[in-house]
Amino acid sequence: MLPSQVERKAKDFVKDYAKSAGISLDNDIEDYNRMLSEKEKYEHLLNEINKSEPARRNSGQNDRINVSKKIDEFRKDSISEFAEKYETIISVDSIVNIIKTKGFKKKKEDVQLLSNYVNSLLEDAIQTVLKQKSEDLSSVIDKYISGFQRSTLSEKAEKVGISSVPFNATRAFAAGLTGLATIGGLAFWASTLGNLGAYILLAKGVSLLAALGISVGGTAAAASAIATIGGPVVLGIALAVMAALAAFAIFSGGWEKSLAKKLIKAYDDQDALMKYKKAINSFWEDTQKAFDASSDNMEKEWEEYVENLRGMIENYNVDDIVRRINAAREIKSFFANIPL
């Protein structure tokens, strides 16, 4: 049984999502009603779409290539920035300074504490770099999606006098993430989508409490996703280093520098920097795959919208449109009356 606070949050979460789904259905119903009364406008809209599709596809492909180039830039920059942080942390002067400022003593327990502390610094470094780059990517993705929405429908709808349309590029892009095991840097972007993003992140195994926003910040779900970077690789390095230091003999005089060198050698023996780099590289490979899947889905849903619009115009049938309106109302009623 869920604790009462979590249960209440979960219910509110589902209700809010149902409310947002109801708003989306209202747009569908409004669109169908306008189709009944303003058929000529929709015919003009389809004509505008047909005329511009070749150029739109070409421009969209260029936009997609440019985002992929940005993802590759983030990958290279992430590796470079982390490597700099790694070299700063895994140095004799840095480790000796840690020993002194943290007050670690010449005893076995403190050697283990030092190892844990250095590992935590490296984890913080990798997460800080990836979080910042993921935030930067989020802005790139927003611009890409808004450009897709504008080029496919928004400008054309305004041109023919249609105030709003049911196709939503953001939702179509987000839907492409739902079937993926990992989404890399797009976890941060998903965290900005409110309930829709929370559902996506929950599906990736992110903490329920983080996704529901209980006692955590607004981007906690994304941070939780980024915190898993490296997984067993990072843990394996930490355990190997601890094992290597377990037999360290502490002598009098200059023991801090000797211990620092021993710790650095343990990291070198594990080829730790290269393993971290590979983990970062995998993070961005997952990001690229997720971007490709979401872009494909966005394009697919757009094509389905156009085909649906074409079918409704070419085979204009009042009874069929009324049936669609009634079906949308029934689904909205279901969402509005979910028993919780």
C-alpha atoms as a PDB file:
ATOM      1  CA  MET A   1       0.000   0.000   0.000  1.00  0.00           C
ATOM      2  CA  LEU A   2       1.385   3.428  -0.933  1.00  0.00           C
ATOM      3  CA  PRO A   3       1.971   5.919   1.902  1.00  0.00           C
ATOM      4  CA  SER A   4      -0.837   8.489   2.019  1.00  0.00           C
ATOM      5  CA  GLN A   5       1.289  11.372   0.717  1.00  0.00           C
ATOM      6  CA  VAL A   6       2.512   9.337  -2.252  1.00  0.00           C
ATOM      7  CA  GLU A   7      -0.986   8.001  -2.941  1.00  0.00           C
ATOM      8  CA  ARG A   8      -2.416  11.522  -2.927  1.00  0.00           C
ATOM      9  CA  LYS A   9       0.339  12.770  -5.227  1.00  0.00           C
ATOM     10  CA  ALA A  10      -0.199   9.827  -7.568  1.00  0.00           C
ATOM     11  CA  LYS A  11      -3.947  10.533  -7.792  1.00  0.00           C
ATOM     12  CA  ASP A  12      -3.363  14.228  -8.454  1.00  0.00           C
ATOM     13  CA  PHE A  13      -0.802  13.268 -11.055  1.00  0.00           C
ATOM     14  CA  VAL A  14      -3.274  11.037 -12.934  1.00  0.00           C
ATOM     15  CA  LYS A  15      -6.064  13.609 -12.644  1.00  0.00           C
ATOM     16  CA  ASP A  16      -3.846  16.335 -14.082  1.00  0.00           C
ATOM     17  CA  TYR A  17      -2.851  14.104 -16.951  1.00  0.00           C
ATOM     18  CA  ALA A  18      -6.494  13.235 -17.606  1.00  0.00           C
ATOM     19  CA  LYS A  19      -7.285  16.952 -17.621  1.00  0.00           C
ATOM     20  CA  SER A  20      -4.573  17.666 -20.181  1.00  0.00           C
ATOM     21  CA  ALA A  21      -5.847  14.773 -22.319  1.00  0.00           C
ATOM     22  CA  GLY A  22      -9.326  16.293 -22.122  1.00  0.00           C
ATOM     23  CA  ILE A  23      -7.986  19.587 -23.440  1.00  0.00           C
ATOM     24  CA  SER A  24      -6.397  17.766 -26.367  1.00  0.00           C
ATOM     25  CA  LEU A  25      -9.692  16.035 -27.137  1.00  0.00           C
ATOM     26  CA  ASP A  26     -11.506  19.372 -26.969  1.00  0.00           C
ATOM     27  CA  ASN A  27      -9.205  20.571 -29.746  1.00  0.00           C
ATOM     28  CA  ASP A  28     -10.068  17.497 -31.814  1.00  0.00           C
ATOM     29  CA  ILE A  29     -13.798  18.071 -31.301  1.00  0.00           C
ATOM     30  CA  GLU A  30     -13.450  21.750 -32.191  1.00  0.00           C
ATOM     31  CA  ASP A  31     -11.523  20.814 -35.343  1.00  0.00           C
ATOM     32  CA  TYR A  32     -14.186  18.325 -36.461  1.00  0.00           C
ATOM     33  CA  ASN A  33     -16.939  20.873 -35.821  1.00  0.00           C
ATOM     34  CA  ARG A  34     -15.110  23.444 -37.918  1.00  0.00           C
ATOM     35  CA  MET A  35     -14.780  20.847 -40.664  1.00  0.00           C
ATOM     36  CA  LEU A  36     -18.577  20.630 -40.770  1.00  0.00           C
ATOM     37  CA  SER A  37     -19.025  24.388 -41.113  1.00  0.00           C
ATOM     38  CA  GLU A  38     -15.831  25.490 -42.879  1.00  0.00           C
ATOM     39  CA  LYS A  39     -15.030  22.723 -45.341  1.00  0.00           C
ATOM     40  CA  GLU A  40     -13.582  25.137 -47.910  1.00  0.00           C
ATOM     41  CA  LYS A  41     -10.937  26.381 -45.458  1.00  0.00           C
ATOM     42  CA  TYR A  42      -9.748  22.828 -44.897  1.00  0.00           C
ATOM     43  CA  GLU A  43      -9.616  22.236 -48.633  1.00  0.00           C
ATOM     44  CA  HIS A  44      -7.381  25.310 -48.927  1.00  0.00           C
ATOM     45  CA  LEU A  45      -5.272  24.014 -46.024  1.00  0.00           C
ATOM     46  CA  LEU A  46      -4.736  20.672 -47.766  1.00  0.00           C
ATOM     47  CA  ASN A  47      -3.778  22.465 -50.985  1.00  0.00           C
ATOM     48  CA  GLU A  48      -1.209  24.533 -49.083  1.00  0.00           C
ATOM     49  CA  ILE A  49       0.193  21.378 -47.486  1.00  0.00           C
ATOM     50  CA  ASN A  50       0.440  19.559 -50.820  1.00  0.00           C
ATOM     51  CA  LYS A  51       2.243  22.475 -52.466  1.00  0.00           C
ATOM     52  CA  SER A  52       4.837  22.896 -49.730  1.00  0.00           C
ATOM     53  CA  GLU A  53       5.531  19.279 -48.715  1.00  0.00           C
ATOM     54  CA  PRO A  54       8.592  18.655 -50.954  1.00  0.00           C
ATOM     55  CA  ALA A  55      10.322  21.811 -49.745  1.00  0.00           C
ATOM     56  CA  ARG A  56       9.171  21.155 -46.175  1.00  0.00           C
ATOM     57  CA  ARG A  57      10.653  17.636 -46.186  1.00  0.00           C
ATOM     58  CA  ASN A  58      13.972  18.921 -47.513  1.00  0.00           C
ATOM     59  CA  SER A  59      14.146  21.708 -44.955  1.00  0.00           C
ATOM     60  CA  GLY A  60      13.087  19.338 -42.168  1.00  0.00           C
ATOM     61  CA  GLN A  61      15.820  16.878 -43.106  1.00  0.00           C
ATOM     62  CA  ASN A  62      18.403  19.678 -42.941  1.00  0.00           C
ATOM     63  CA  ASP A  63      17.091  20.709 -39.509  1.00  0.00           C
ATOM     64  CA  ARG A  64      17.360  17.117 -38.332  1.00  0.00           C
ATOM     65  CA  ILE A  65      20.939  16.839 -39.574  1.00  0.00           C
ATOM     66  CA  ASN A  66      21.820  20.051 -37.741  1.00  0.00           C
ATOM     67  CA  VAL A  67      20.429  18.693 -34.448  1.00  0.00           C
ATOM     68  CA  SER A  68      22.458  15.510 -34.911  1.00  0.00           C
ATOM     69  CA  LYS A  69      25.549  17.669 -35.414  1.00  0.00           C
ATOM     70  CA  LYS A  70      24.770  19.471 -32.135  1.00  0.00           C
ATOM     71  CA  ILE A  71      24.402  16.135 -30.333  1.00  0.00           C
ATOM     72  CA  ASP A  72      27.839  15.134 -31.634  1.00  0.00           C
ATOM     73  CA  GLU A  73      29.246  18.466 -30.449  1.00  0.00           C
ATOM     74  CA  PHE A  74      27.761  17.871 -26.990  1.00  0.00           C
ATOM     75  CA  ARG A  75      29.310  14.383 -26.990  1.00  0.00           C
ATOM     76  CA  LYS A  76      32.787  15.677 -27.822  1.00  0.00           C
ATOM     77  CA  ASP A  77      32.519  18.620 -25.412  1.00  0.00           C
ATOM     78  CA  SER A  78      31.275  16.353 -22.606  1.00  0.00           C
ATOM     79  CA  ILE A  79      34.227  14.015 -22.995  1.00  0.00           C
ATOM     80  CA  SER A  80      36.702  16.899 -23.181  1.00  0.00           C
ATOM     81  CA  GLU A  81      35.278  18.775 -20.185  1.00  0.00           C
ATOM     82  CA  PHE A  82      35.080  15.664 -18.024  1.00  0.00           C
ATOM     83  CA  ALA A  83      38.655  14.699 -18.951  1.00  0.00           C
ATOM     84  CA  GLU A  84      39.832  18.099 -17.697  1.00  0.00           C
ATOM     85  CA  LYS A  85      37.934  17.648 -14.439  1.00  0.00           C
ATOM     86  CA  TYR A  86      39.289  14.104 -14.087  1.00  0.00           C
ATOM     87  CA  GLU A  87      42.903  15.243 -14.506  1.00  0.00           C
ATOM     88  CA  THR A  88      42.348  17.953 -11.898  1.00  0.00           C
ATOM     89  CA  ILE A  89      40.837  15.531  -9.363  1.00  0.00           C
ATOM     90  CA  ILE A  90      43.169  12.580  -9.983  1.00  0.00           C
ATOM     91  CA  SER A  91      46.408  14.406  -9.255  1.00  0.00           C
ATOM     92  CA  VAL A  92      48.838  14.191  -6.370  1.00  0.00           C
ATOM     93  CA  ASP A  93      48.359  17.804  -5.293  1.00  0.00           C
ATOM     94  CA  SER A  94      44.568  17.515  -5.377  1.00  0.00           C
ATOM     95  CA  ILE A  95      44.449  14.289  -3.373  1.00  0.00           C
ATOM     96  CA  VAL A  96      46.971  15.500  -0.792  1.00  0.00           C
ATOM     97  CA  ASN A  97      44.888  18.660  -0.393  1.00  0.00           C
ATOM     98  CA  ILE A  98      41.739  16.548   0.111  1.00  0.00           C
ATOM     99  CA  ILE A  99      43.481  14.464   2.778  1.00  0.00           C
ATOM    100  CA  LYS A 100      44.510  17.575   4.665  1.00  0.00           C
ATOM    101  CA  THR A 101      41.317  19.631   4.312  1.00  0.00           C
ATOM    102  CA  LYS A 102      39.081  16.678   5.183  1.00  0.00           C
ATOM    103  CA  GLY A 103      41.299  15.744   8.112  1.00  0.00           C
ATOM    104  CA  PHE A 104      41.816  12.135   7.028  1.00  0.00           C
ATOM    105  CA  LYS A 105      44.181  10.284   9.365  1.00  0.00           C
ATOM    106  CA  LYS A 106      46.720   7.498   8.934  1.00  0.00           C
ATOM    107  CA  LYS A 107      44.276   4.645   9.393  1.00  0.00           C
ATOM    108  CA  LYS A 108      42.530   2.053   7.230  1.00  0.00           C
ATOM    109  CA  GLU A 109      39.034   3.496   7.681  1.00  0.00           C
ATOM    110  CA  ASP A 110      40.145   6.914   6.461  1.00  0.00           C
ATOM    111  CA  VAL A 111      41.855   5.416   3.420  1.00  0.00           C
ATOM    112  CA  GLN A 112      38.486   3.928   2.435  1.00  0.00           C
ATOM    113  CA  LEU A 113      36.747   7.230   3.128  1.00  0.00           C
ATOM    114  CA  LEU A 114      39.263   9.001   0.897  1.00  0.00           C
ATOM    115  CA  SER A 115      38.619   6.509  -1.894  1.00  0.00           C
ATOM    116  CA  ASN A 116      34.863   6.998  -1.575  1.00  0.00           C
ATOM    117  CA  TYR A 117      35.228  10.775  -1.535  1.00  0.00           C
ATOM    118  CA  VAL A 118      37.384  10.891  -4.670  1.00  0.00           C
ATOM    119  CA  ASN A 119      34.938   8.600  -6.451  1.00  0.00           C
ATOM    120  CA  SER A 120      32.058  10.888  -5.442  1.00  0.00           C
ATOM    121  CA  LEU A 121      33.933  13.874  -6.885  1.00  0.00           C
ATOM    122  CA  LEU A 122      34.253  12.062 -10.203  1.00  0.00           C
ATOM    123  CA  GLU A 123      30.561  11.106 -10.171  1.00  0.00           C
ATOM    124  CA  ASP A 124      29.600  14.711  -9.452  1.00  0.00           C
ATOM    125  CA  ALA A 125      31.866  15.870 -12.270  1.00  0.00           C
ATOM    126  CA  ILE A 126      30.351  13.557 -14.875  1.00  0.00           C
ATOM    127  CA  GLN A 127      26.793  14.378 -13.803  1.00  0.00           C
ATOM    128  CA  THR A 128      27.456  18.123 -13.796  1.00  0.00           C
ATOM    129  CA  VAL A 129      28.861  18.017 -17.328  1.00  0.00           C
ATOM    130  CA  LEU A 130      26.035  15.861 -18.685  1.00  0.00           C
ATOM    131  CA  LYS A 131      23.311  17.851 -16.941  1.00  0.00           C
ATOM    132  CA  GLN A 132      24.577  21.122 -18.410  1.00  0.00           C
ATOM    133  CA  LYS A 133      24.876  19.644 -21.895  1.00  0.00           C
ATOM    134  CA  SER A 134      21.417  18.078 -21.554  1.00  0.00           C
ATOM    135  CA  GLU A 135      19.983  21.489 -20.665  1.00  0.00           C
ATOM    136  CA  ASP A 136      21.659  22.945 -23.756  1.00  0.00           C
ATOM    137  CA  LEU A 137      20.225  20.108 -25.854  1.00  0.00           C
ATOM    138  CA  SER A 138      16.740  20.793 -24.475  1.00  0.00           C
ATOM    139  CA  SER A 139      16.790  24.282 -26.008  1.00  0.00           C
ATOM    140  CA  VAL A 140      17.945  22.847 -29.332  1.00  0.00           C
ATOM    141  CA  ILE A 141      15.121  20.276 -29.294  1.00  0.00           C
ATOM    142  CA  ASP A 142      12.480  22.897 -28.467  1.00  0.00           C
ATOM    143  CA  LYS A 143      13.616  25.010 -31.406  1.00  0.00           C
ATOM    144  CA  TYR A 144      13.633  21.972 -33.704  1.00  0.00           C
ATOM    145  CA  ILE A 145      10.089  20.934 -32.719  1.00  0.00           C
ATOM    146  CA  SER A 146       8.673  24.441 -32.948  1.00  0.00           C
ATOM    147  CA  GLY A 147      10.203  24.725 -36.413  1.00  0.00           C
ATOM    148  CA  PHE A 148       8.539  21.456 -37.412  1.00  0.00           C
ATOM    149  CA  GLN A 149       5.164  22.617 -36.075  1.00  0.00           C
ATOM    150  CA  ARG A 150       5.463  25.938 -37.875  1.00  0.00           C
ATOM    151  CA  SER A 151       6.581  24.476 -41.215  1.00  0.00           C
ATOM    152  CA  THR A 152       4.037  21.667 -41.291  1.00  0.00           C
ATOM    153  CA  LEU A 153       0.859  23.353 -40.129  1.00  0.00           C
ATOM    154  CA  SER A 154       0.868  26.545 -38.048  1.00  0.00           C
ATOM    155  CA  GLU A 155       1.763  28.995 -40.811  1.00  0.00           C
ATOM    156  CA  LYS A 156      -0.567  27.305 -43.303  1.00  0.00           C
ATOM    157  CA  ALA A 157      -3.489  27.227 -40.867  1.00  0.00           C
ATOM    158  CA  GLU A 158      -3.058  30.938 -40.156  1.00  0.00           C
ATOM    159  CA  LYS A 159      -2.870  31.664 -43.884  1.00  0.00           C
ATOM    160  CA  VAL A 160      -6.261  30.073 -44.610  1.00  0.00           C
ATOM    161  CA  GLY A 161      -7.915  31.467 -41.460  1.00  0.00           C
ATOM    162  CA  ILE A 162      -7.941  28.403 -39.172  1.00  0.00           C
ATOM    163  CA  SER A 163      -7.113  29.476 -35.625  1.00  0.00           C
ATOM    164  CA  SER A 164      -6.011  26.133 -34.169  1.00  0.00           C
ATOM    165  CA  VAL A 165      -5.326  22.576 -35.292  1.00  0.00           C
ATOM    166  CA  PRO A 166      -5.117  19.268 -33.397  1.00  0.00           C
ATOM    167  CA  PHE A 167      -1.652  18.196 -34.639  1.00  0.00           C
ATOM    168  CA  ASN A 168       0.850  18.706 -31.810  1.00  0.00           C
ATOM    169  CA  ALA A 169       4.490  18.231 -32.794  1.00  0.00           C
ATOM    170  CA  THR A 170       5.716  18.217 -29.176  1.00  0.00           C
ATOM    171  CA  ARG A 171       3.439  15.344 -28.198  1.00  0.00           C
ATOM    172  CA  ALA A 172       4.308  13.483 -31.405  1.00  0.00           C
ATOM    173  CA  PHE A 173       8.036  13.844 -30.681  1.00  0.00           C
ATOM    174  CA  ALA A 174       7.603  12.821 -27.040  1.00  0.00           C
ATOM    175  CA  ALA A 175       5.564   9.754 -28.023  1.00  0.00           C
ATOM    176  CA  GLY A 176       8.599   8.475 -29.899  1.00  0.00           C
ATOM    177  CA  LEU A 177      10.475   8.126 -26.589  1.00  0.00           C
ATOM    178  CA  THR A 178       7.989   5.842 -24.884  1.00  0.00           C
ATOM    179  CA  GLY A 179       9.146   2.551 -26.412  1.00  0.00           C
ATOM    180  CA  LEU A 180      12.862   3.095 -25.815  1.00  0.00           C
ATOM    181  CA  ALA A 181      14.927   1.518 -23.047  1.00  0.00           C
ATOM    182  CA  THR A 182      17.137   4.588 -22.586  1.00  0.00           C
ATOM    183  CA  ILE A 183      16.839   8.175 -23.840  1.00  0.00           C
ATOM    184  CA  GLY A 184      20.143   9.739 -22.745  1.00  0.00           C
ATOM    185  CA  GLY A 185      20.213  13.536 -22.792  1.00  0.00           C
ATOM    186  CA  LEU A 186      16.555  13.737 -23.797  1.00  0.00           C
ATOM    187  CA  ALA A 187      15.622  12.854 -20.206  1.00  0.00           C
ATOM    188  CA  PHE A 188      16.099  16.496 -19.269  1.00  0.00           C
ATOM    189  CA  TRP A 189      13.912  17.662 -22.177  1.00  0.00           C
ATOM    190  CA  ALA A 190      11.223  15.170 -21.148  1.00  0.00           C
ATOM    191  CA  SER A 191      11.309  16.539 -17.588  1.00  0.00           C
ATOM    192  CA  THR A 192      10.118  19.922 -18.914  1.00  0.00           C
ATOM    193  CA  LEU A 193       6.856  18.439 -20.289  1.00  0.00           C
ATOM    194  CA  GLY A 194       4.933  18.220 -17.032  1.00  0.00           C
ATOM    195  CA  ASN A 195       2.795  15.105 -16.652  1.00  0.00           C
ATOM    196  CA  LEU A 196       3.579  13.798 -20.122  1.00  0.00           C
ATOM    197  CA  GLY A 197       7.296  13.929 -19.378  1.00  0.00           C
ATOM    198  CA  ALA A 198       6.800  12.321 -15.969  1.00  0.00           C
ATOM    199  CA  TYR A 199       5.052   9.373 -17.615  1.00  0.00           C
ATOM    200  CA  ILE A 200       7.934   8.989 -20.069  1.00  0.00           C
ATOM    201  CA  LEU A 201      10.540   9.080 -17.303  1.00  0.00           C
ATOM    202  CA  LEU A 202       8.583   6.679 -15.114  1.00  0.00           C
ATOM    203  CA  ALA A 203       8.603   4.232 -18.007  1.00  0.00           C
ATOM    204  CA  LYS A 204      12.400   4.441 -17.981  1.00  0.00           C
ATOM    205  CA  GLY A 205      12.549   3.296 -14.357  1.00  0.00           C
ATOM    206  CA  VAL A 206      13.203   6.706 -12.831  1.00  0.00           C
ATOM    207  CA  SER A 207      12.238   7.050  -9.186  1.00  0.00           C
ATOM    208  CA  LEU A 208       8.492   7.372  -8.587  1.00  0.00           C
ATOM    209  CA  LEU A 209       9.093  10.001  -5.937  1.00  0.00           C
ATOM    210  CA  ALA A 210      11.341  12.012  -8.253  1.00  0.00           C
ATOM    211  CA  ALA A 211       8.885  11.850 -11.134  1.00  0.00           C
ATOM    212  CA  LEU A 212       6.037  12.919  -8.849  1.00  0.00           C
ATOM    213  CA  GLY A 213       8.107  15.806  -7.515  1.00  0.00           C
ATOM    214  CA  ILE A 214       7.925  14.769  -3.857  1.00  0.00           C
ATOM    215  CA  SER A 215      10.587  16.553  -1.762  1.00  0.00           C
ATOM    216  CA  VAL A 216      12.742  17.112  -4.844  1.00  0.00           C
ATOM    217  CA  GLY A 217      13.369  19.809  -7.420  1.00  0.00           C
ATOM    218  CA  GLY A 218      11.533  20.147 -10.719  1.00  0.00           C
ATOM    219  CA  THR A 219      14.326  18.527 -12.724  1.00  0.00           C
ATOM    220  CA  ALA A 220      14.926  15.693 -10.250  1.00  0.00           C
ATOM    221  CA  ALA A 221      13.575  13.073 -12.635  1.00  0.00           C
ATOM    222  CA  ALA A 222      16.060  14.089 -15.290  1.00  0.00           C
ATOM    223  CA  ALA A 223      18.852  14.255 -12.712  1.00  0.00           C
ATOM    224  CA  SER A 224      17.972  10.725 -11.587  1.00  0.00           C
ATOM    225  CA  ALA A 225      18.224   9.514 -15.173  1.00  0.00           C
ATOM    226  CA  ILE A 226      21.592  11.214 -15.655  1.00  0.00           C
ATOM    227  CA  ALA A 227      22.834   9.870 -12.305  1.00  0.00           C
ATOM    228  CA  THR A 228      22.702   6.329 -13.692  1.00  0.00           C
ATOM    229  CA  ILE A 229      25.371   7.129 -16.303  1.00  0.00           C
ATOM    230  CA  GLY A 230      28.078   4.527 -16.367  1.00  0.00           C
ATOM    231  CA  GLY A 231      26.161   2.197 -14.054  1.00  0.00           C
ATOM    232  CA  PRO A 232      28.208  -0.940 -13.362  1.00  0.00           C
ATOM    233  CA  VAL A 233      31.280   0.625 -15.000  1.00  0.00           C
ATOM    234  CA  VAL A 234      31.502   3.423 -12.440  1.00  0.00           C
ATOM    235  CA  LEU A 235      30.777   1.085  -9.550  1.00  0.00           C
ATOM    236  CA  GLY A 236      33.361  -1.388 -10.809  1.00  0.00           C
ATOM    237  CA  ILE A 237      36.060   1.284 -10.903  1.00  0.00           C
ATOM    238  CA  ALA A 238      35.241   2.416  -7.359  1.00  0.00           C
ATOM    239  CA  LEU A 239      35.366  -1.120  -5.965  1.00  0.00           C
ATOM    240  CA  ALA A 240      38.614  -1.934  -7.758  1.00  0.00           C
ATOM    241  CA  VAL A 241      40.275   1.206  -6.407  1.00  0.00           C
ATOM    242  CA  MET A 242      39.123   0.418  -2.865  1.00  0.00           C
ATOM    243  CA  ALA A 243      40.508  -3.097  -3.174  1.00  0.00           C
ATOM    244  CA  ALA A 244      43.846  -1.770  -4.412  1.00  0.00           C
ATOM    245  CA  LEU A 245      44.108   0.571  -1.417  1.00  0.00           C
ATOM    246  CA  ALA A 246      43.038  -2.035   1.133  1.00  0.00           C
ATOM    247  CA  ALA A 247      46.617  -3.249   1.645  1.00  0.00           C
ATOM    248  CA  PHE A 248      48.193   0.217   1.687  1.00  0.00           C
ATOM    249  CA  ALA A 249      50.763   0.439   4.446  1.00  0.00           C
ATOM    250  CA  ILE A 250      50.928   3.834   6.132  1.00  0.00           C
ATOM    251  CA  PHE A 251      54.369   4.895   7.300  1.00  0.00           C
ATOM    252  CA  SER A 252      55.437   8.020   9.086  1.00  0.00           C
ATOM    253  CA  GLY A 253      56.335  11.136   7.164  1.00  0.00           C
ATOM    254  CA  GLY A 254      55.025  11.970   3.690  1.00  0.00           C
ATOM    255  CA  TRP A 255      52.326   9.334   3.846  1.00  0.00           C
ATOM    256  CA  GLU A 256      49.803  11.652   2.199  1.00  0.00           C
ATOM    257  CA  LYS A 257      51.789  11.864  -1.041  1.00  0.00           C
ATOM    258  CA  SER A 258      52.456   8.106  -1.042  1.00  0.00           C
ATOM    259  CA  LEU A 259      48.757   7.391  -0.600  1.00  0.00           C
ATOM    260  CA  ALA A 260      47.856   9.876  -3.351  1.00  0.00           C
ATOM    261  CA  LYS A 261      50.242   8.156  -5.774  1.00  0.00           C
ATOM    262  CA  LYS A 262      48.848   4.745  -4.805  1.00  0.00           C
ATOM    263  CA  LEU A 263      45.282   5.936  -5.436  1.00  0.00           C
ATOM    264  CA  ILE A 264      46.244   7.444  -8.811  1.00  0.00           C
ATOM    265  CA  LYS A 265      47.942   4.187  -9.814  1.00  0.00           C
ATOM    266  CA  ALA A 266      44.792   2.273  -8.893  1.00  0.00           C
ATOM    267  CA  TYR A 267      42.749   4.473 -11.231  1.00  0.00           C
ATOM    268  CA  ASP A 268      45.380   4.144 -13.967  1.00  0.00           C
ATOM    269  CA  ASP A 269      45.432   0.358 -13.597  1.00  0.00           C
ATOM    270  CA  GLN A 270      41.666   0.363 -14.190  1.00  0.00           C
ATOM    271  CA  ASP A 271      42.072   2.603 -17.255  1.00  0.00           C
ATOM    272  CA  ALA A 272      39.385   4.599 -15.475  1.00  0.00           C
ATOM    273  CA  LEU A 273      39.438   7.719 -17.639  1.00  0.00           C
ATOM    274  CA  MET A 274      38.867   5.690 -20.796  1.00  0.00           C
ATOM    275  CA  LYS A 275      35.986   3.806 -19.146  1.00  0.00           C
ATOM    276  CA  TYR A 276      34.371   7.082 -18.110  1.00  0.00           C
ATOM    277  CA  LYS A 277      34.783   8.409 -21.641  1.00  0.00           C
ATOM    278  CA  LYS A 278      33.121   5.297 -23.051  1.00  0.00           C
ATOM    279  CA  ALA A 279      30.231   5.728 -20.617  1.00  0.00           C
ATOM    280  CA  ILE A 280      29.771   9.346 -21.728  1.00  0.00           C
ATOM    281  CA  ASN A 281      29.971   8.292 -25.365  1.00  0.00           C
ATOM    282  CA  SER A 282      27.250   5.679 -24.775  1.00  0.00           C
ATOM    283  CA  PHE A 283      25.069   8.337 -23.123  1.00  0.00           C
ATOM    284  CA  TRP A 284      25.170  10.460 -26.270  1.00  0.00           C
ATOM    285  CA  GLU A 285      24.750   7.460 -28.556  1.00  0.00           C
ATOM    286  CA  ASP A 286      21.535   6.715 -26.668  1.00  0.00           C
ATOM    287  CA  THR A 287      20.573  10.363 -27.073  1.00  0.00           C
ATOM    288  CA  GLN A 288      21.050  10.197 -30.847  1.00  0.00           C
ATOM    289  CA  LYS A 289      19.007   6.990 -31.111  1.00  0.00           C
ATOM    290  CA  ALA A 290      16.227   8.552 -29.034  1.00  0.00           C
ATOM    291  CA  PHE A 291      16.264  11.690 -31.182  1.00  0.00           C
ATOM    292  CA  ASP A 292      16.038   9.611 -34.355  1.00  0.00           C
ATOM    293  CA  ALA A 293      13.129   7.571 -32.979  1.00  0.00           C
ATOM    294  CA  SER A 294      11.247  10.685 -31.863  1.00  0.00           C
ATOM    295  CA  SER A 295      11.860  12.506 -35.144  1.00  0.00           C
ATOM    296  CA  ASP A 296      10.640   9.466 -37.077  1.00  0.00           C
ATOM    297  CA  ASN A 297       7.498   9.330 -34.958  1.00  0.00           C
ATOM    298  CA  MET A 298       6.858  13.053 -35.357  1.00  0.00           C
ATOM    299  CA  GLU A 299       7.089  12.685 -39.132  1.00  0.00           C
ATOM    300  CA  LYS A 300       4.880   9.595 -39.061  1.00  0.00           C
ATOM    301  CA  GLU A 301       2.146  11.287 -37.035  1.00  0.00           C
ATOM    302  CA  TRP A 302       2.274  14.287 -39.360  1.00  0.00           C
ATOM    303  CA  GLU A 303       1.819  12.039 -42.400  1.00  0.00           C
ATOM    304  CA  GLU A 304      -1.077  10.308 -40.650  1.00  0.00           C
ATOM    305  CA  TYR A 305      -2.680  13.686 -39.931  1.00  0.00           C
ATOM    306  CA  VAL A 306      -2.372  14.712 -43.577  1.00  0.00           C
ATOM    307  CA  GLU A 307      -3.801  11.399 -44.790  1.00  0.00           C
ATOM    308  CA  ASN A 308      -6.678  11.700 -42.345  1.00  0.00           C
ATOM    309  CA  LEU A 309      -7.355  15.270 -43.504  1.00  0.00           C
ATOM    310  CA  ARG A 310      -7.172  14.204 -47.139  1.00  0.00           C
ATOM    311  CA  GLY A 311      -9.568  11.326 -46.533  1.00  0.00           C
ATOM    312  CA  MET A 312     -12.076  13.542 -44.745  1.00  0.00           C
ATOM    313  CA  ILE A 313     -12.026  16.112 -47.573  1.00  0.00           C
ATOM    314  CA  GLU A 314     -12.006  13.753 -50.540  1.00  0.00           C
ATOM    315  CA  ASN A 315     -14.656  11.525 -48.994  1.00  0.00           C
ATOM    316  CA  TYR A 316     -16.541  14.251 -47.166  1.00  0.00           C
ATOM    317  CA  ASN A 317     -19.219  12.588 -45.072  1.00  0.00           C
ATOM    318  CA  VAL A 318     -21.185  14.443 -42.426  1.00  0.00           C
ATOM    319  CA  ASP A 319     -22.177  11.228 -40.630  1.00  0.00           C
ATOM    320  CA  ASP A 320     -18.519  10.125 -40.414  1.00  0.00           C
ATOM    321  CA  ILE A 321     -17.439  13.473 -38.941  1.00  0.00           C
ATOM    322  CA  VAL A 322     -20.272  13.365 -36.416  1.00  0.00           C
ATOM    323  CA  ARG A 323     -19.190   9.848 -35.465  1.00  0.00           C
ATOM    324  CA  ARG A 324     -15.648  11.114 -34.841  1.00  0.00           C
ATOM    325  CA  ILE A 325     -16.998  13.943 -32.661  1.00  0.00           C
ATOM    326  CA  ASN A 326     -19.064  11.505 -30.578  1.00  0.00           C
ATOM    327  CA  ALA A 327     -16.115   9.131 -30.199  1.00  0.00           C
ATOM    328  CA  ALA A 328     -13.863  11.974 -28.976  1.00  0.00           C
ATOM    329  CA  ARG A 329     -16.550  13.038 -26.484  1.00  0.00           C
ATOM    330  CA  GLU A 330     -16.831   9.498 -25.123  1.00  0.00           C
ATOM    331  CA  ILE A 331     -13.068   9.287 -24.603  1.00  0.00           C
ATOM    332  CA  LYS A 332     -13.079  12.684 -22.908  1.00  0.00           C
ATOM    333  CA  SER A 333     -15.884  11.511 -20.621  1.00  0.00           C
ATOM    334  CA  PHE A 334     -13.816   8.455 -19.694  1.00  0.00           C
ATOM    335  CA  PHE A 335     -10.851  10.639 -18.695  1.00  0.00           C
ATOM    336  CA  ALA A 336     -13.095  13.000 -16.766  1.00  0.00           C
ATOM    337  CA  ASN A 337     -14.608  10.170 -14.712  1.00  0.00           C
ATOM    338  CA  ILE A 338     -11.631   7.955 -13.978  1.00  0.00           C
ATOM    339  CA  PRO A 339     -12.313   6.345 -10.573  1.00  0.00           C
ATOM    340  CA  LEU A 340      -9.514   7.220  -8.179  1.00  0.00           C
END
